[in-house]
């Protein structure tokens, strides 16, 4: 079992930045591939970025690859998502997800956090 807790969401003006954190606990945390997703009202959940369990591999959705950065600090059992140049279309609930297993990239994520709200508005 892995427990995931997101933090760092909030209200930000267009063009601003936020850094989200995903704190993980439980067995095999440091060997979990971890990703960020988001879901806006009335829209499907969207993959944003993922990192392998040692951080050697990352991948990004085309829509965010020039603005978002994912990395992990296994000593702190935390995965981060730096988001720059935010716009109102980035407003959504952001979720952290984890997959235990060596496959990269994962085809599914079985552990999910509760989400953190990001609102981009002037």
N, C-alpha and C. Protein backbone atom coordinates (compact mmCIF):
# COMPACT_ATOMS: atom_id res chain seq x y z
N UNK A 1 0.83 -1.19 0.00
CA UNK A 1 0.00 0.00 0.00
C UNK A 1 0.87 1.25 0.00
N UNK A 2 0.42 2.25 -0.72
CA UNK A 2 1.07 3.55 -0.73
C UNK A 2 0.00 4.60 -0.46
N UNK A 3 0.32 5.53 0.39
CA UNK A 3 -0.57 6.67 0.64
C UNK A 3 0.08 7.91 0.03
N UNK A 4 -0.71 8.68 -0.67
CA UNK A 4 -0.23 9.87 -1.36
C UNK A 4 -1.01 11.08 -0.88
N UNK A 5 -0.30 12.16 -0.58
CA UNK A 5 -0.94 13.39 -0.14
C UNK A 5 -0.37 14.55 -0.94
N UNK A 6 -1.23 15.21 -1.70
CA UNK A 6 -0.80 16.36 -2.49
C UNK A 6 -0.94 17.65 -1.68
N UNK A 7 -0.11 18.60 -2.01
CA UNK A 7 -0.20 19.94 -1.41
C UNK A 7 0.40 20.95 -2.38
N UNK A 8 0.17 22.21 -2.08
CA UNK A 8 0.76 23.28 -2.87
C UNK A 8 -0.19 23.96 -3.82
N UNK A 9 -1.42 23.47 -3.92
CA UNK A 9 -2.38 24.13 -4.78
C UNK A 9 -2.83 25.46 -4.21
N UNK A 10 -3.59 26.20 -5.02
CA UNK A 10 -4.10 27.49 -4.56
C UNK A 10 -4.50 28.34 -5.73
N UNK A 11 -4.66 29.62 -5.42
CA UNK A 11 -5.05 30.62 -6.42
C UNK A 11 -3.81 31.35 -6.90
N UNK A 12 -3.66 31.45 -8.21
CA UNK A 12 -2.52 32.14 -8.80
C UNK A 12 -2.99 32.94 -9.99
N UNK A 13 -2.33 34.04 -10.25
CA UNK A 13 -2.69 34.88 -11.39
C UNK A 13 -2.13 34.30 -12.68
N UNK A 14 -2.75 34.60 -13.79
CA UNK A 14 -2.20 34.15 -15.08
C UNK A 14 -0.75 34.59 -15.24
N UNK A 15 0.07 33.68 -15.74
CA UNK A 15 1.49 33.95 -15.87
C UNK A 15 2.30 33.57 -14.65
N UNK A 16 1.63 33.23 -13.58
CA UNK A 16 2.31 32.88 -12.34
C UNK A 16 2.76 31.43 -12.30
N UNK A 17 3.33 31.05 -11.16
CA UNK A 17 3.89 29.71 -10.98
C UNK A 17 3.39 29.10 -9.68
N UNK A 18 3.36 27.79 -9.65
CA UNK A 18 3.08 27.03 -8.44
C UNK A 18 3.94 25.78 -8.44
N UNK A 19 4.24 25.32 -7.23
CA UNK A 19 4.95 24.05 -7.09
C UNK A 19 4.08 23.12 -6.26
N UNK A 20 3.69 22.01 -6.84
CA UNK A 20 2.92 21.01 -6.13
C UNK A 20 3.84 19.95 -5.56
N UNK A 21 3.43 19.41 -4.43
CA UNK A 21 4.19 18.34 -3.79
C UNK A 21 3.29 17.13 -3.60
N UNK A 22 3.88 15.97 -3.70
CA UNK A 22 3.18 14.72 -3.46
C UNK A 22 4.01 13.92 -2.46
N UNK A 23 3.55 13.87 -1.24
CA UNK A 23 4.26 13.15 -0.19
C UNK A 23 3.72 11.73 -0.12
N UNK A 24 4.63 10.78 -0.17
CA UNK A 24 4.24 9.37 -0.20
C UNK A 24 4.68 8.66 1.06
N UNK A 25 3.89 7.70 1.47
CA UNK A 25 4.25 6.87 2.61
C UNK A 25 3.76 5.45 2.35
N UNK A 26 4.36 4.54 3.07
CA UNK A 26 3.98 3.14 2.89
C UNK A 26 5.13 2.32 2.31
N UNK A 27 4.86 1.05 2.14
CA UNK A 27 5.90 0.18 1.65
C UNK A 27 6.29 0.47 0.21
N UNK A 28 7.59 0.28 -0.09
CA UNK A 28 8.10 0.38 -1.46
C UNK A 28 7.86 1.76 -2.09
N UNK A 29 7.77 2.79 -1.27
CA UNK A 29 7.53 4.11 -1.84
C UNK A 29 8.62 4.50 -2.83
N UNK A 30 9.86 4.24 -2.46
CA UNK A 30 10.96 4.71 -3.30
C UNK A 30 11.08 3.93 -4.58
N UNK A 31 10.34 2.84 -4.74
CA UNK A 31 10.39 2.07 -5.98
C UNK A 31 9.12 2.26 -6.79
N UNK A 32 8.40 3.31 -6.54
CA UNK A 32 7.16 3.55 -7.27
C UNK A 32 7.38 4.56 -8.39
N UNK A 33 6.87 4.24 -9.57
CA UNK A 33 6.80 5.23 -10.63
C UNK A 33 5.63 6.16 -10.31
N UNK A 34 5.84 7.46 -10.45
CA UNK A 34 4.86 8.43 -9.98
C UNK A 34 4.51 9.43 -11.07
N UNK A 35 3.26 9.84 -11.09
CA UNK A 35 2.78 10.75 -12.12
C UNK A 35 1.86 11.80 -11.54
N UNK A 36 1.67 12.85 -12.32
CA UNK A 36 0.69 13.89 -12.02
C UNK A 36 -0.37 13.89 -13.11
N UNK A 37 -1.61 14.01 -12.67
CA UNK A 37 -2.76 14.14 -13.55
C UNK A 37 -3.56 15.36 -13.10
N UNK A 38 -4.49 15.77 -13.92
CA UNK A 38 -5.42 16.80 -13.49
C UNK A 38 -6.79 16.54 -14.11
N UNK A 39 -7.78 17.11 -13.46
CA UNK A 39 -9.14 16.99 -13.98
C UNK A 39 -9.89 18.27 -13.72
N UNK A 40 -10.36 18.88 -14.79
CA UNK A 40 -11.17 20.09 -14.69
C UNK A 40 -12.64 19.70 -14.74
N UNK A 41 -13.51 20.54 -14.20
CA UNK A 41 -14.95 20.23 -14.23
C UNK A 41 -15.46 19.95 -15.63
N UNK A 42 -16.16 18.84 -15.78
CA UNK A 42 -16.73 18.50 -17.07
C UNK A 42 -15.75 17.93 -18.08
N UNK A 43 -14.51 17.73 -17.64
CA UNK A 43 -13.49 17.19 -18.56
C UNK A 43 -12.94 15.88 -18.02
N UNK A 44 -12.34 15.12 -18.93
CA UNK A 44 -11.72 13.86 -18.53
C UNK A 44 -10.40 14.13 -17.81
N UNK A 45 -10.00 13.17 -17.03
CA UNK A 45 -8.72 13.27 -16.36
C UNK A 45 -7.60 13.27 -17.41
N UNK A 46 -6.62 14.12 -17.19
CA UNK A 46 -5.55 14.34 -18.16
C UNK A 46 -4.20 14.01 -17.55
N UNK A 47 -3.43 13.19 -18.22
CA UNK A 47 -2.05 12.91 -17.81
C UNK A 47 -1.20 14.15 -18.05
N UNK A 48 -0.31 14.46 -17.10
CA UNK A 48 0.58 15.61 -17.24
C UNK A 48 2.04 15.21 -17.34
N UNK A 49 2.52 14.44 -16.38
CA UNK A 49 3.94 14.13 -16.33
C UNK A 49 4.15 12.92 -15.42
N UNK A 50 5.25 12.21 -15.68
CA UNK A 50 5.57 11.05 -14.86
C UNK A 50 7.08 10.95 -14.69
N UNK A 51 7.48 10.33 -13.59
CA UNK A 51 8.89 10.08 -13.33
C UNK A 51 9.06 8.64 -12.87
N UNK A 52 10.14 8.03 -13.31
CA UNK A 52 10.42 6.67 -12.87
C UNK A 52 10.92 6.70 -11.43
N UNK A 53 11.06 5.53 -10.83
CA UNK A 53 11.28 5.50 -9.39
C UNK A 53 12.64 6.03 -8.97
N UNK A 54 13.62 6.04 -9.83
CA UNK A 54 14.89 6.67 -9.51
C UNK A 54 15.03 8.05 -10.14
N UNK A 55 14.02 8.44 -10.89
CA UNK A 55 14.08 9.74 -11.54
C UNK A 55 14.88 9.75 -12.83
N UNK A 56 15.31 8.58 -13.28
CA UNK A 56 16.14 8.52 -14.49
C UNK A 56 15.32 8.79 -15.74
N UNK A 57 14.03 8.52 -15.66
CA UNK A 57 13.14 8.70 -16.81
C UNK A 57 12.00 9.62 -16.43
N UNK A 58 11.66 10.49 -17.37
CA UNK A 58 10.47 11.32 -17.22
C UNK A 58 9.77 11.39 -18.57
N UNK A 59 8.47 11.63 -18.52
CA UNK A 59 7.76 11.97 -19.74
C UNK A 59 6.65 12.95 -19.43
N UNK A 60 6.26 13.68 -20.46
CA UNK A 60 5.33 14.79 -20.30
C UNK A 60 4.27 14.76 -21.38
N UNK A 61 3.12 15.29 -21.04
CA UNK A 61 2.13 15.57 -22.07
C UNK A 61 2.60 16.74 -22.91
N UNK A 62 2.31 16.69 -24.19
CA UNK A 62 2.75 17.77 -25.09
C UNK A 62 2.21 19.12 -24.64
N UNK A 63 1.04 19.10 -24.03
CA UNK A 63 0.40 20.36 -23.66
C UNK A 63 1.12 21.10 -22.55
N UNK A 64 1.98 20.41 -21.79
CA UNK A 64 2.62 21.06 -20.65
C UNK A 64 4.13 20.95 -20.65
N UNK A 65 4.73 20.25 -21.59
CA UNK A 65 6.15 19.90 -21.51
C UNK A 65 7.06 21.10 -21.49
N UNK A 66 6.62 22.22 -22.01
CA UNK A 66 7.48 23.41 -22.02
C UNK A 66 7.28 24.28 -20.78
N UNK A 67 6.30 23.92 -19.94
CA UNK A 67 5.98 24.76 -18.79
C UNK A 67 6.06 24.03 -17.45
N UNK A 68 5.90 22.71 -17.47
CA UNK A 68 5.87 21.94 -16.23
C UNK A 68 7.12 21.07 -16.13
N UNK A 69 7.57 20.87 -14.89
CA UNK A 69 8.72 20.01 -14.63
C UNK A 69 8.42 19.10 -13.46
N UNK A 70 8.69 17.81 -13.64
CA UNK A 70 8.49 16.83 -12.57
C UNK A 70 9.86 16.33 -12.10
N UNK A 71 9.98 16.18 -10.80
CA UNK A 71 11.19 15.55 -10.25
C UNK A 71 10.84 14.96 -8.89
N UNK A 72 11.77 14.15 -8.37
CA UNK A 72 11.49 13.49 -7.11
C UNK A 72 12.70 13.57 -6.19
N UNK A 73 12.41 13.55 -4.92
CA UNK A 73 13.43 13.49 -3.88
C UNK A 73 13.09 12.26 -3.04
N UNK A 74 13.73 11.15 -3.34
CA UNK A 74 13.39 9.90 -2.64
C UNK A 74 13.78 9.94 -1.17
N UNK A 75 14.74 10.77 -0.82
CA UNK A 75 15.09 10.91 0.59
C UNK A 75 13.94 11.50 1.39
N UNK A 76 13.12 12.29 0.72
CA UNK A 76 11.94 12.90 1.35
C UNK A 76 10.65 12.20 0.94
N UNK A 77 10.77 11.15 0.13
CA UNK A 77 9.58 10.44 -0.37
C UNK A 77 8.57 11.41 -0.98
N UNK A 78 9.07 12.32 -1.75
CA UNK A 78 8.21 13.38 -2.31
C UNK A 78 8.49 13.56 -3.80
N UNK A 79 7.42 13.73 -4.54
CA UNK A 79 7.50 14.06 -5.97
C UNK A 79 6.92 15.45 -6.16
N UNK A 80 7.56 16.23 -6.99
CA UNK A 80 7.17 17.63 -7.19
C UNK A 80 6.73 17.86 -8.63
N UNK A 81 5.90 18.89 -8.78
CA UNK A 81 5.53 19.36 -10.10
C UNK A 81 5.63 20.88 -10.09
N UNK A 82 6.62 21.39 -10.78
CA UNK A 82 6.78 22.83 -10.93
C UNK A 82 5.99 23.28 -12.15
N UNK A 83 5.11 24.24 -11.96
CA UNK A 83 4.25 24.72 -13.03
C UNK A 83 4.50 26.20 -13.24
N UNK A 84 4.91 26.55 -14.45
CA UNK A 84 5.22 27.94 -14.78
C UNK A 84 4.28 28.46 -15.86
N UNK A 85 4.21 29.77 -15.93
CA UNK A 85 3.40 30.43 -16.96
C UNK A 85 1.98 29.86 -17.01
N UNK A 86 1.36 29.81 -15.87
CA UNK A 86 0.02 29.22 -15.77
C UNK A 86 -1.02 30.11 -16.44
N UNK A 87 -2.03 29.48 -16.99
CA UNK A 87 -3.14 30.20 -17.60
C UNK A 87 -4.45 29.62 -17.08
N UNK A 88 -5.56 30.32 -17.30
CA UNK A 88 -6.83 29.84 -16.73
C UNK A 88 -7.20 28.42 -17.14
N UNK A 89 -6.73 27.98 -18.30
CA UNK A 89 -7.03 26.61 -18.75
C UNK A 89 -6.31 25.56 -17.90
N UNK A 90 -5.38 25.98 -17.08
CA UNK A 90 -4.69 25.05 -16.17
C UNK A 90 -5.47 24.83 -14.87
N UNK A 91 -6.55 25.55 -14.68
CA UNK A 91 -7.35 25.38 -13.47
C UNK A 91 -7.97 23.99 -13.44
N UNK A 92 -7.75 23.29 -12.36
CA UNK A 92 -8.22 21.92 -12.24
C UNK A 92 -7.85 21.39 -10.86
N UNK A 93 -8.34 20.20 -10.55
CA UNK A 93 -7.84 19.46 -9.40
C UNK A 93 -6.67 18.61 -9.90
N UNK A 94 -5.55 18.73 -9.21
CA UNK A 94 -4.34 18.03 -9.60
C UNK A 94 -4.13 16.83 -8.67
N UNK A 95 -3.87 15.69 -9.29
CA UNK A 95 -3.72 14.44 -8.55
C UNK A 95 -2.34 13.83 -8.76
N UNK A 96 -1.86 13.25 -7.72
CA UNK A 96 -0.64 12.45 -7.77
C UNK A 96 -1.05 10.99 -7.82
N UNK A 97 -0.31 10.19 -8.58
CA UNK A 97 -0.62 8.77 -8.70
C UNK A 97 0.67 7.97 -8.74
N UNK A 98 0.61 6.74 -8.26
CA UNK A 98 1.80 5.90 -8.20
C UNK A 98 1.51 4.50 -8.70
N UNK A 99 2.56 3.91 -9.26
CA UNK A 99 2.49 2.53 -9.74
C UNK A 99 3.70 1.77 -9.22
N UNK A 100 3.46 0.65 -8.60
CA UNK A 100 4.54 -0.22 -8.15
C UNK A 100 4.88 -1.22 -9.23
N UNK A 101 6.17 -1.25 -9.60
CA UNK A 101 6.56 -2.20 -10.64
C UNK A 101 7.60 -1.58 -11.53
N UNK A 102 8.34 -2.42 -12.25
CA UNK A 102 9.49 -1.94 -13.02
C UNK A 102 9.15 -1.38 -14.39
N UNK A 103 7.94 -1.62 -14.87
CA UNK A 103 7.63 -1.23 -16.24
C UNK A 103 7.62 0.29 -16.39
N UNK A 104 8.28 0.74 -17.48
CA UNK A 104 8.29 2.16 -17.78
C UNK A 104 7.97 2.37 -19.26
N UNK A 105 7.07 3.30 -19.53
CA UNK A 105 6.20 3.94 -18.55
C UNK A 105 5.07 3.03 -18.12
N UNK A 106 4.53 3.27 -16.97
CA UNK A 106 3.42 2.43 -16.52
C UNK A 106 2.20 2.57 -17.41
N UNK A 107 1.45 1.50 -17.53
CA UNK A 107 0.21 1.56 -18.29
C UNK A 107 -0.97 1.94 -17.41
N UNK A 108 -0.78 1.85 -16.10
CA UNK A 108 -1.84 2.24 -15.19
C UNK A 108 -1.22 2.61 -13.85
N UNK A 109 -2.00 3.34 -13.08
CA UNK A 109 -1.57 3.76 -11.75
C UNK A 109 -2.63 3.31 -10.75
N UNK A 110 -2.20 2.58 -9.73
CA UNK A 110 -3.18 1.99 -8.83
C UNK A 110 -3.35 2.74 -7.52
N UNK A 111 -2.47 3.69 -7.25
CA UNK A 111 -2.58 4.47 -6.02
C UNK A 111 -2.76 5.94 -6.37
N UNK A 112 -3.71 6.59 -5.69
CA UNK A 112 -4.05 7.97 -6.02
C UNK A 112 -4.18 8.80 -4.74
N UNK A 113 -3.78 10.06 -4.84
CA UNK A 113 -4.03 10.98 -3.75
C UNK A 113 -5.41 11.59 -3.84
N UNK A 114 -5.71 12.47 -2.91
CA UNK A 114 -7.04 13.07 -2.85
C UNK A 114 -7.17 14.31 -3.73
N UNK A 115 -6.04 14.82 -4.20
CA UNK A 115 -6.07 15.96 -5.11
C UNK A 115 -5.87 17.28 -4.41
N UNK A 116 -5.39 18.25 -5.17
CA UNK A 116 -5.25 19.63 -4.69
C UNK A 116 -5.73 20.57 -5.77
N UNK A 117 -6.50 21.58 -5.37
CA UNK A 117 -7.12 22.48 -6.33
C UNK A 117 -6.13 23.56 -6.77
N UNK A 118 -6.06 23.76 -8.06
CA UNK A 118 -5.30 24.87 -8.64
C UNK A 118 -6.27 25.75 -9.42
N UNK A 119 -6.29 27.01 -9.09
CA UNK A 119 -7.15 27.97 -9.78
C UNK A 119 -6.29 29.10 -10.30
N UNK A 120 -6.39 29.33 -11.61
CA UNK A 120 -5.64 30.40 -12.25
C UNK A 120 -6.63 31.47 -12.69
N UNK A 121 -6.54 32.61 -12.04
CA UNK A 121 -7.53 33.66 -12.31
C UNK A 121 -6.95 35.01 -11.91
N UNK A 122 -7.37 36.04 -12.63
CA UNK A 122 -6.97 37.39 -12.27
C UNK A 122 -7.98 38.02 -11.34
